[in-house]
Amino acid sequence: MNKFLQKIKKNLLKSWFESCLKVRRFKKTIGNKFQKSEYR
């Protein structure tokens, strides 16, 4: 049971970390697009 909980915790941390990275990348691309449109 303990190992099962640890596995779930690890998966949750991994998915949370990946989603954070995705959000950061997403914001970066949006920021670049906004900067490019402002420069025109």
PDB file of N, CA and C in Angstrom:
ATOM      1  N   MET A   1       0.840  -1.207   0.000  1.00  0.00           N
ATOM      2  CA  MET A   1       0.000   0.000   0.000  1.00  0.00           C
ATOM      3  C   MET A   1       0.873   1.254   0.000  1.00  0.00           C
ATOM      4  N   ASN A   2       1.927   1.237   0.819  1.00  0.00           N
ATOM      5  CA  ASN A   2       2.799   2.402   0.888  1.00  0.00           C
ATOM      6  C   ASN A   2       3.484   2.664  -0.451  1.00  0.00           C
ATOM      7  N   LYS A   3       3.962   1.586  -1.065  1.00  0.00           N
ATOM      8  CA  LYS A   3       4.618   1.735  -2.372  1.00  0.00           C
ATOM      9  C   LYS A   3       3.637   2.296  -3.387  1.00  0.00           C
ATOM     10  N   PHE A   4       2.400   1.838  -3.317  1.00  0.00           N
ATOM     11  CA  PHE A   4       1.367   2.313  -4.243  1.00  0.00           C
ATOM     12  C   PHE A   4       1.178   3.828  -4.083  1.00  0.00           C
ATOM     13  N   LEU A   5       1.108   4.286  -2.820  1.00  0.00           N
ATOM     14  CA  LEU A   5       0.939   5.720  -2.559  1.00  0.00           C
ATOM     15  C   LEU A   5       2.142   6.499  -3.068  1.00  0.00           C
ATOM     16  N   GLN A   6       3.340   5.964  -2.836  1.00  0.00           N
ATOM     17  CA  GLN A   6       4.552   6.641  -3.307  1.00  0.00           C
ATOM     18  C   GLN A   6       4.541   6.763  -4.818  1.00  0.00           C
ATOM     19  N   LYS A   7       4.079   5.704  -5.490  1.00  0.00           N
ATOM     20  CA  LYS A   7       4.025   5.721  -6.956  1.00  0.00           C
ATOM     21  C   LYS A   7       3.073   6.812  -7.427  1.00  0.00           C
ATOM     22  N   ILE A   8       1.910   6.903  -6.789  1.00  0.00           N
ATOM     23  CA  ILE A   8       0.926   7.925  -7.163  1.00  0.00           C
ATOM     24  C   ILE A   8       1.521   9.312  -6.945  1.00  0.00           C
ATOM     25  N   LYS A   9       2.181   9.493  -5.795  1.00  0.00           N
ATOM     26  CA  LYS A   9       2.772  10.791  -5.482  1.00  0.00           C
ATOM     27  C   LYS A   9       3.803  11.177  -6.533  1.00  0.00           C
ATOM     28  N   LYS A  10       4.628  10.206  -6.917  1.00  0.00           N
ATOM     29  CA  LYS A  10       5.672  10.464  -7.913  1.00  0.00           C
ATOM     30  C   LYS A  10       5.045  10.862  -9.244  1.00  0.00           C
ATOM     31  N   ASN A  11       3.987  10.140  -9.646  1.00  0.00           N
ATOM     32  CA  ASN A  11       3.315  10.441 -10.913  1.00  0.00           C
ATOM     33  C   ASN A  11       2.689  11.836 -10.872  1.00  0.00           C
ATOM     34  N   LEU A  12       2.096  12.186  -9.735  1.00  0.00           N
ATOM     35  CA  LEU A  12       1.478  13.504  -9.604  1.00  0.00           C
ATOM     36  C   LEU A  12       2.530  14.594  -9.730  1.00  0.00           C
ATOM     37  N   LEU A  13       3.666  14.410  -9.043  1.00  0.00           N
ATOM     38  CA  LEU A  13       4.746  15.394  -9.115  1.00  0.00           C
ATOM     39  C   LEU A  13       5.241  15.534 -10.541  1.00  0.00           C
ATOM     40  N   LYS A  14       5.409  14.393 -11.211  1.00  0.00           N
ATOM     41  CA  LYS A  14       5.911  14.407 -12.587  1.00  0.00           C
ATOM     42  C   LYS A  14       4.948  15.146 -13.510  1.00  0.00           C
ATOM     43  N   SER A  15       3.667  14.823 -13.410  1.00  0.00           N
ATOM     44  CA  SER A  15       2.671  15.461 -14.285  1.00  0.00           C
ATOM     45  C   SER A  15       2.587  16.958 -13.972  1.00  0.00           C
ATOM     46  N   TRP A  16       2.660  17.320 -12.679  1.00  0.00           N
ATOM     47  CA  TRP A  16       2.602  18.728 -12.292  1.00  0.00           C
ATOM     48  C   TRP A  16       3.803  19.473 -12.856  1.00  0.00           C
ATOM     49  N   PHE A  17       4.981  18.870 -12.748  1.00  0.00           N
ATOM     50  CA  PHE A  17       6.207  19.486 -13.260  1.00  0.00           C
ATOM     51  C   PHE A  17       6.115  19.681 -14.768  1.00  0.00           C
ATOM     52  N   GLU A  18       5.623  18.643 -15.473  1.00  0.00           N
ATOM     53  CA  GLU A  18       5.500  18.730 -16.932  1.00  0.00           C
ATOM     54  C   GLU A  18       4.513  19.823 -17.324  1.00  0.00           C
ATOM     55  N   SER A  19       3.398  19.916 -16.614  1.00  0.00           N
ATOM     56  CA  SER A  19       2.402  20.941 -16.946  1.00  0.00           C
ATOM     57  C   SER A  19       2.985  22.329 -16.693  1.00  0.00           C
ATOM     58  N   CYS A  20       3.792  22.468 -15.632  1.00  0.00           N
ATOM     59  CA  CYS A  20       4.425  23.762 -15.352  1.00  0.00           C
ATOM     60  C   CYS A  20       5.354  24.138 -16.495  1.00  0.00           C
ATOM     61  N   LEU A  21       6.137  23.165 -16.972  1.00  0.00           N
ATOM     62  CA  LEU A  21       7.053  23.429 -18.086  1.00  0.00           C
ATOM     63  C   LEU A  21       6.265  23.830 -19.322  1.00  0.00           C
ATOM     64  N   LYS A  22       5.169  23.128 -19.584  1.00  0.00           N
ATOM     65  CA  LYS A  22       4.349  23.440 -20.762  1.00  0.00           C
ATOM     66  C   LYS A  22       3.808  24.854 -20.665  1.00  0.00           C
ATOM     67  N   VAL A  23       3.307  25.226 -19.492  1.00  0.00           N
ATOM     68  CA  VAL A  23       2.744  26.571 -19.306  1.00  0.00           C
ATOM     69  C   VAL A  23       3.821  27.619 -19.535  1.00  0.00           C
ATOM     70  N   ARG A  24       5.036  27.361 -19.003  1.00  0.00           N
ATOM     71  CA  ARG A  24       6.124  28.321 -19.154  1.00  0.00           C
ATOM     72  C   ARG A  24       6.471  28.493 -20.630  1.00  0.00           C
ATOM     73  N   ARG A  25       6.547  27.369 -21.342  1.00  0.00           N
ATOM     74  CA  ARG A  25       6.876  27.411 -22.771  1.00  0.00           C
ATOM     75  C   ARG A  25       5.772  28.154 -23.529  1.00  0.00           C
ATOM     76  N   PHE A  26       4.523  27.870 -23.141  1.00  0.00           N
ATOM     77  CA  PHE A  26       3.365  28.496 -23.787  1.00  0.00           C
ATOM     78  C   PHE A  26       3.415  30.015 -23.598  1.00  0.00           C
ATOM     79  N   LYS A  27       3.682  30.457 -22.359  1.00  0.00           N
ATOM     80  CA  LYS A  27       3.774  31.893 -22.076  1.00  0.00           C
ATOM     81  C   LYS A  27       4.906  32.517 -22.875  1.00  0.00           C
ATOM     82  N   LYS A  28       6.010  31.799 -22.987  1.00  0.00           N
ATOM     83  CA  LYS A  28       7.170  32.311 -23.718  1.00  0.00           C
ATOM     84  C   LYS A  28       6.803  32.569 -25.174  1.00  0.00           C
ATOM     85  N   THR A  29       6.149  31.597 -25.813  1.00  0.00           N
ATOM     86  CA  THR A  29       5.794  31.749 -27.228  1.00  0.00           C
ATOM     87  C   THR A  29       4.796  32.892 -27.386  1.00  0.00           C
ATOM     88  N   ILE A  30       3.835  32.999 -26.470  1.00  0.00           N
ATOM     89  CA  ILE A  30       2.838  34.079 -26.552  1.00  0.00           C
ATOM     90  C   ILE A  30       3.539  35.422 -26.381  1.00  0.00           C
ATOM     91  N   GLY A  31       4.469  35.503 -25.424  1.00  0.00           N
ATOM     92  CA  GLY A  31       5.216  36.742 -25.202  1.00  0.00           C
ATOM     93  C   GLY A  31       5.985  37.138 -26.452  1.00  0.00           C
ATOM     94  N   ASN A  32       6.631  36.166 -27.102  1.00  0.00           N
ATOM     95  CA  ASN A  32       7.380  36.457 -28.324  1.00  0.00           C
ATOM     96  C   ASN A  32       6.446  36.983 -29.402  1.00  0.00           C
ATOM     97  N   LYS A  33       5.282  36.374 -29.540  1.00  0.00           N
ATOM     98  CA  LYS A  33       4.329  36.809 -30.566  1.00  0.00           C
ATOM     99  C   LYS A  33       3.891  38.241 -30.297  1.00  0.00           C
ATOM    100  N   PHE A  34       3.610  38.554 -29.025  1.00  0.00           N
ATOM    101  CA  PHE A  34       3.174  39.908 -28.685  1.00  0.00           C
ATOM    102  C   PHE A  34       4.278  40.918 -28.975  1.00  0.00           C
ATOM    103  N   GLN A  35       5.518  40.575 -28.627  1.00  0.00           N
ATOM    104  CA  GLN A  35       6.641  41.483 -28.878  1.00  0.00           C
ATOM    105  C   GLN A  35       6.790  41.735 -30.371  1.00  0.00           C
ATOM    106  N   LYS A  36       6.697  40.675 -31.168  1.00  0.00           N
ATOM    107  CA  LYS A  36       6.849  40.824 -32.620  1.00  0.00           C
ATOM    108  C   LYS A  36       5.746  41.714 -33.178  1.00  0.00           C
ATOM    109  N   SER A  37       4.511  41.531 -32.702  1.00  0.00           N
ATOM    110  CA  SER A  37       3.394  42.327 -33.224  1.00  0.00           C
ATOM    111  C   SER A  37       3.558  43.788 -32.790  1.00  0.00           C
ATOM    112  N   GLU A  38       4.157  44.031 -31.619  1.00  0.00           N
ATOM    113  CA  GLU A  38       4.339  45.405 -31.144  1.00  0.00           C
ATOM    114  C   GLU A  38       5.413  46.116 -31.951  1.00  0.00           C
ATOM    115  N   TYR A  39       6.415  45.368 -32.389  1.00  0.00           N
ATOM    116  CA  TYR A  39       7.520  45.998 -33.118  1.00  0.00           C
ATOM    117  C   TYR A  39       7.089  46.473 -34.506  1.00  0.00           C
ATOM    118  N   ARG A  40       6.039  45.863 -35.076  1.00  0.00           N
ATOM    119  CA  ARG A  40       5.641  46.224 -36.436  1.00  0.00           C
ATOM    120  C   ARG A  40       5.116  47.653 -36.493  1.00  0.00           C
TER     121      ARG A  40
END
